[in-house]
């Protein structure tokens, strides 16, 4: 007599796939453009950054000059050369 077999496992449920948020028109200045929000924001990342800089300027009367960005290889080379051997 053979041992009874266990019943087959029930099928796995279909995985729930999160759907990306719909596009939202940015309330920022300039040409009309859209972005995909993460929460309930109404400004795209670029416009939020610019608004943050404007608030910083109003508060501190200063905005650091970014200048020309230095390529990361040149920055790393300068850091390594500045370290004592």
N, C-alpha and C. Protein backbone atom coordinates (compact mmCIF):
# COMPACT_ATOMS: atom_id res chain seq x y z
N UNK A 1 0.84 -1.17 0.00
CA UNK A 1 0.00 0.00 0.00
C UNK A 1 0.90 1.25 0.00
N UNK A 2 0.61 2.14 -0.89
CA UNK A 2 1.41 3.37 -1.02
C UNK A 2 0.95 4.41 -0.01
N UNK A 3 1.90 5.24 0.39
CA UNK A 3 1.58 6.31 1.34
C UNK A 3 0.71 7.35 0.65
N UNK A 4 -0.24 7.92 1.39
CA UNK A 4 -1.09 8.94 0.75
C UNK A 4 -0.27 10.17 0.38
N UNK A 5 -0.58 10.73 -0.75
CA UNK A 5 0.13 11.92 -1.21
C UNK A 5 -0.59 13.18 -0.71
N UNK A 6 0.24 14.19 -0.44
CA UNK A 6 -0.32 15.47 0.01
C UNK A 6 -1.06 16.12 -1.16
N UNK A 7 -2.11 16.87 -0.86
CA UNK A 7 -2.83 17.54 -1.95
C UNK A 7 -1.92 18.59 -2.59
N UNK A 8 -2.13 18.89 -3.85
CA UNK A 8 -1.28 19.88 -4.53
C UNK A 8 -1.45 21.26 -3.87
N UNK A 9 -0.35 22.02 -3.88
CA UNK A 9 -0.38 23.37 -3.30
C UNK A 9 -1.31 24.25 -4.14
N UNK A 10 -2.01 25.15 -3.46
CA UNK A 10 -2.89 26.05 -4.22
C UNK A 10 -2.04 26.97 -5.10
N UNK A 11 -2.57 27.43 -6.21
CA UNK A 11 -1.79 28.32 -7.08
C UNK A 11 -1.48 29.63 -6.37
N UNK A 12 -0.28 30.17 -6.65
CA UNK A 12 0.14 31.43 -6.05
C UNK A 12 -0.70 32.57 -6.62
N UNK A 13 -1.08 33.52 -5.77
CA UNK A 13 -1.86 34.65 -6.30
C UNK A 13 -1.00 35.51 -7.23
N UNK A 14 -1.64 36.19 -8.14
CA UNK A 14 -0.92 37.08 -9.05
C UNK A 14 -0.29 38.20 -8.23
N UNK A 15 0.97 38.53 -8.51
CA UNK A 15 1.61 39.61 -7.76
C UNK A 15 0.94 40.95 -8.05
N UNK A 16 0.87 41.77 -7.03
CA UNK A 16 0.29 43.11 -7.19
C UNK A 16 1.38 44.02 -7.73
N UNK A 17 1.13 44.61 -8.85
CA UNK A 17 2.10 45.50 -9.47
C UNK A 17 1.66 46.93 -9.22
N UNK A 18 2.56 47.70 -8.61
CA UNK A 18 2.25 49.11 -8.35
C UNK A 18 2.24 49.86 -9.68
N UNK A 19 1.20 50.59 -9.89
CA UNK A 19 1.11 51.37 -11.11
C UNK A 19 1.74 52.73 -10.87
N UNK A 20 2.51 53.24 -11.81
CA UNK A 20 3.10 54.56 -11.63
C UNK A 20 2.01 55.62 -11.60
N UNK A 21 2.29 56.69 -10.87
CA UNK A 21 1.33 57.80 -10.80
C UNK A 21 1.19 58.41 -12.18
N UNK A 22 0.05 59.04 -12.40
CA UNK A 22 -0.17 59.72 -13.66
C UNK A 22 0.65 61.00 -13.75
N UNK A 23 0.77 61.52 -14.93
CA UNK A 23 1.52 62.76 -15.12
C UNK A 23 0.72 63.95 -14.60
N UNK A 24 1.46 64.91 -14.03
CA UNK A 24 0.86 66.12 -13.47
C UNK A 24 1.55 67.31 -14.12
N UNK A 25 0.80 68.35 -14.44
CA UNK A 25 1.38 69.57 -14.98
C UNK A 25 2.05 70.34 -13.85
N UNK A 26 3.32 70.71 -14.07
CA UNK A 26 4.08 71.44 -13.06
C UNK A 26 3.55 72.86 -12.93
N UNK A 27 3.44 73.35 -11.67
CA UNK A 27 2.99 74.71 -11.41
C UNK A 27 4.14 75.72 -11.50
N UNK A 28 5.33 75.25 -11.82
CA UNK A 28 6.50 76.12 -11.88
C UNK A 28 6.48 77.05 -13.08
N UNK A 29 7.45 77.97 -13.11
CA UNK A 29 7.52 78.95 -14.20
C UNK A 29 8.05 78.31 -15.49
N UNK A 30 7.97 79.07 -16.56
CA UNK A 30 8.50 78.61 -17.84
C UNK A 30 7.45 77.89 -18.66
N UNK A 31 7.95 77.18 -19.65
CA UNK A 31 7.05 76.44 -20.53
C UNK A 31 6.30 75.38 -19.74
N UNK A 32 5.09 75.09 -20.17
CA UNK A 32 4.31 74.06 -19.51
C UNK A 32 5.01 72.72 -19.68
N UNK A 33 5.17 72.01 -18.57
CA UNK A 33 5.78 70.69 -18.62
C UNK A 33 5.14 69.80 -17.57
N UNK A 34 5.29 68.50 -17.75
CA UNK A 34 4.66 67.54 -16.84
C UNK A 34 5.73 66.70 -16.16
N UNK A 35 5.34 66.10 -15.05
CA UNK A 35 6.22 65.20 -14.31
C UNK A 35 5.37 64.16 -13.63
N UNK A 36 6.01 63.12 -13.14
CA UNK A 36 5.30 62.04 -12.45
C UNK A 36 5.57 62.21 -10.95
N UNK A 37 4.57 62.65 -10.16
CA UNK A 37 4.80 62.92 -8.74
C UNK A 37 4.95 61.64 -7.93
N UNK A 38 5.67 61.79 -6.81
CA UNK A 38 5.81 60.69 -5.87
C UNK A 38 4.71 60.79 -4.82
N UNK A 39 4.39 62.02 -4.42
CA UNK A 39 3.34 62.25 -3.42
C UNK A 39 2.32 63.22 -3.98
N UNK A 40 2.09 64.29 -3.21
CA UNK A 40 1.11 65.28 -3.65
C UNK A 40 1.77 66.58 -4.12
N UNK A 41 3.05 66.52 -4.52
CA UNK A 41 3.74 67.74 -4.94
C UNK A 41 3.17 68.27 -6.26
N UNK A 42 3.31 69.57 -6.44
CA UNK A 42 2.80 70.22 -7.65
C UNK A 42 3.91 70.83 -8.47
N UNK A 43 5.16 70.76 -7.98
CA UNK A 43 6.32 71.25 -8.72
C UNK A 43 7.23 70.07 -9.05
N UNK A 44 7.81 70.09 -10.25
CA UNK A 44 8.76 69.04 -10.61
C UNK A 44 10.05 69.24 -9.80
N UNK A 45 10.94 68.30 -9.87
CA UNK A 45 12.17 68.36 -9.09
C UNK A 45 13.00 69.60 -9.40
N UNK A 46 13.13 69.95 -10.67
CA UNK A 46 13.91 71.13 -11.06
C UNK A 46 13.29 72.40 -10.51
N UNK A 47 11.99 72.55 -10.62
CA UNK A 47 11.31 73.75 -10.11
C UNK A 47 11.35 73.81 -8.59
N UNK A 48 11.24 72.65 -7.91
CA UNK A 48 11.33 72.63 -6.44
C UNK A 48 12.71 73.09 -6.00
N UNK A 49 13.74 72.65 -6.71
CA UNK A 49 15.10 73.06 -6.38
C UNK A 49 15.26 74.56 -6.56
N UNK A 50 14.75 75.09 -7.65
CA UNK A 50 14.84 76.53 -7.91
C UNK A 50 14.08 77.32 -6.85
N UNK A 51 12.91 76.86 -6.45
CA UNK A 51 12.15 77.54 -5.40
C UNK A 51 12.90 77.50 -4.07
N UNK A 52 13.56 76.39 -3.79
CA UNK A 52 14.35 76.29 -2.55
C UNK A 52 15.50 77.28 -2.58
N UNK A 53 16.15 77.44 -3.74
CA UNK A 53 17.24 78.42 -3.84
C UNK A 53 16.71 79.84 -3.65
N UNK A 54 15.55 80.12 -4.20
CA UNK A 54 14.97 81.46 -4.03
C UNK A 54 14.70 81.74 -2.55
N UNK A 55 14.15 80.76 -1.83
CA UNK A 55 13.90 80.93 -0.40
C UNK A 55 15.21 81.12 0.35
N UNK A 56 16.24 80.40 -0.04
CA UNK A 56 17.56 80.52 0.60
C UNK A 56 18.11 81.93 0.38
N UNK A 57 17.98 82.42 -0.85
CA UNK A 57 18.47 83.77 -1.15
C UNK A 57 17.74 84.83 -0.34
N UNK A 58 16.42 84.69 -0.21
CA UNK A 58 15.66 85.65 0.59
C UNK A 58 16.09 85.63 2.05
N UNK A 59 16.35 84.44 2.57
CA UNK A 59 16.70 84.33 3.98
C UNK A 59 18.13 84.78 4.25
N UNK A 60 19.08 84.39 3.42
CA UNK A 60 20.49 84.66 3.70
C UNK A 60 21.12 85.72 2.81
N UNK A 61 20.36 86.26 1.86
CA UNK A 61 20.86 87.26 0.93
C UNK A 61 22.10 86.75 0.20
N UNK A 62 22.14 85.46 -0.08
CA UNK A 62 23.31 84.88 -0.71
C UNK A 62 22.92 83.60 -1.44
N UNK A 63 23.52 83.42 -2.59
CA UNK A 63 23.37 82.16 -3.32
C UNK A 63 24.75 81.76 -3.81
N UNK A 64 25.24 80.63 -3.34
CA UNK A 64 26.59 80.24 -3.76
C UNK A 64 26.67 80.08 -5.28
N UNK A 65 27.78 80.51 -5.82
CA UNK A 65 28.00 80.36 -7.26
C UNK A 65 28.49 78.95 -7.52
N UNK A 66 27.76 78.22 -8.33
CA UNK A 66 28.16 76.85 -8.62
C UNK A 66 29.37 76.83 -9.55
N UNK A 67 29.50 77.82 -10.40
CA UNK A 67 30.61 77.83 -11.34
C UNK A 67 30.52 76.66 -12.30
N UNK A 68 31.61 76.42 -12.98
CA UNK A 68 31.67 75.28 -13.88
C UNK A 68 31.92 74.02 -13.07
N UNK A 69 31.13 72.99 -13.29
CA UNK A 69 31.36 71.77 -12.54
C UNK A 69 32.69 71.13 -12.94
N UNK A 70 33.40 70.64 -11.95
CA UNK A 70 34.67 69.97 -12.20
C UNK A 70 34.35 68.48 -12.40
N UNK A 71 34.85 67.88 -13.46
CA UNK A 71 34.59 66.46 -13.67
C UNK A 71 35.07 65.64 -12.48
N UNK A 72 34.38 64.56 -12.18
CA UNK A 72 34.68 63.78 -10.98
C UNK A 72 36.09 63.21 -11.03
N UNK A 73 36.60 62.89 -12.18
CA UNK A 73 37.97 62.36 -12.26
C UNK A 73 38.97 63.42 -11.81
N UNK A 74 38.75 64.67 -12.22
CA UNK A 74 39.65 65.75 -11.81
C UNK A 74 39.53 66.01 -10.31
N UNK A 75 38.30 65.94 -9.76
CA UNK A 75 38.12 66.14 -8.32
C UNK A 75 38.84 65.06 -7.53
N UNK A 76 38.68 63.81 -7.96
CA UNK A 76 39.35 62.70 -7.27
C UNK A 76 40.85 62.83 -7.36
N UNK A 77 41.37 63.23 -8.52
CA UNK A 77 42.80 63.41 -8.69
C UNK A 77 43.33 64.48 -7.74
N UNK A 78 42.58 65.59 -7.60
CA UNK A 78 42.99 66.67 -6.70
C UNK A 78 42.97 66.20 -5.25
N UNK A 79 41.97 65.41 -4.88
CA UNK A 79 41.88 64.90 -3.51
C UNK A 79 43.05 63.97 -3.23
N UNK A 80 43.34 63.08 -4.15
CA UNK A 80 44.44 62.13 -3.94
C UNK A 80 45.78 62.83 -3.89
N UNK A 81 45.96 63.87 -4.70
CA UNK A 81 47.23 64.60 -4.69
C UNK A 81 47.39 65.43 -3.41
N UNK A 82 46.27 65.85 -2.81
CA UNK A 82 46.32 66.67 -1.60
C UNK A 82 46.63 65.83 -0.36
N UNK A 83 46.42 64.53 -0.43
CA UNK A 83 46.67 63.68 0.74
C UNK A 83 48.16 63.44 0.90
N UNK A 84 48.64 63.48 2.15
CA UNK A 84 50.07 63.20 2.37
C UNK A 84 50.37 61.72 2.06
N UNK A 85 51.54 61.49 1.57
CA UNK A 85 51.93 60.11 1.21
C UNK A 85 52.27 59.28 2.40
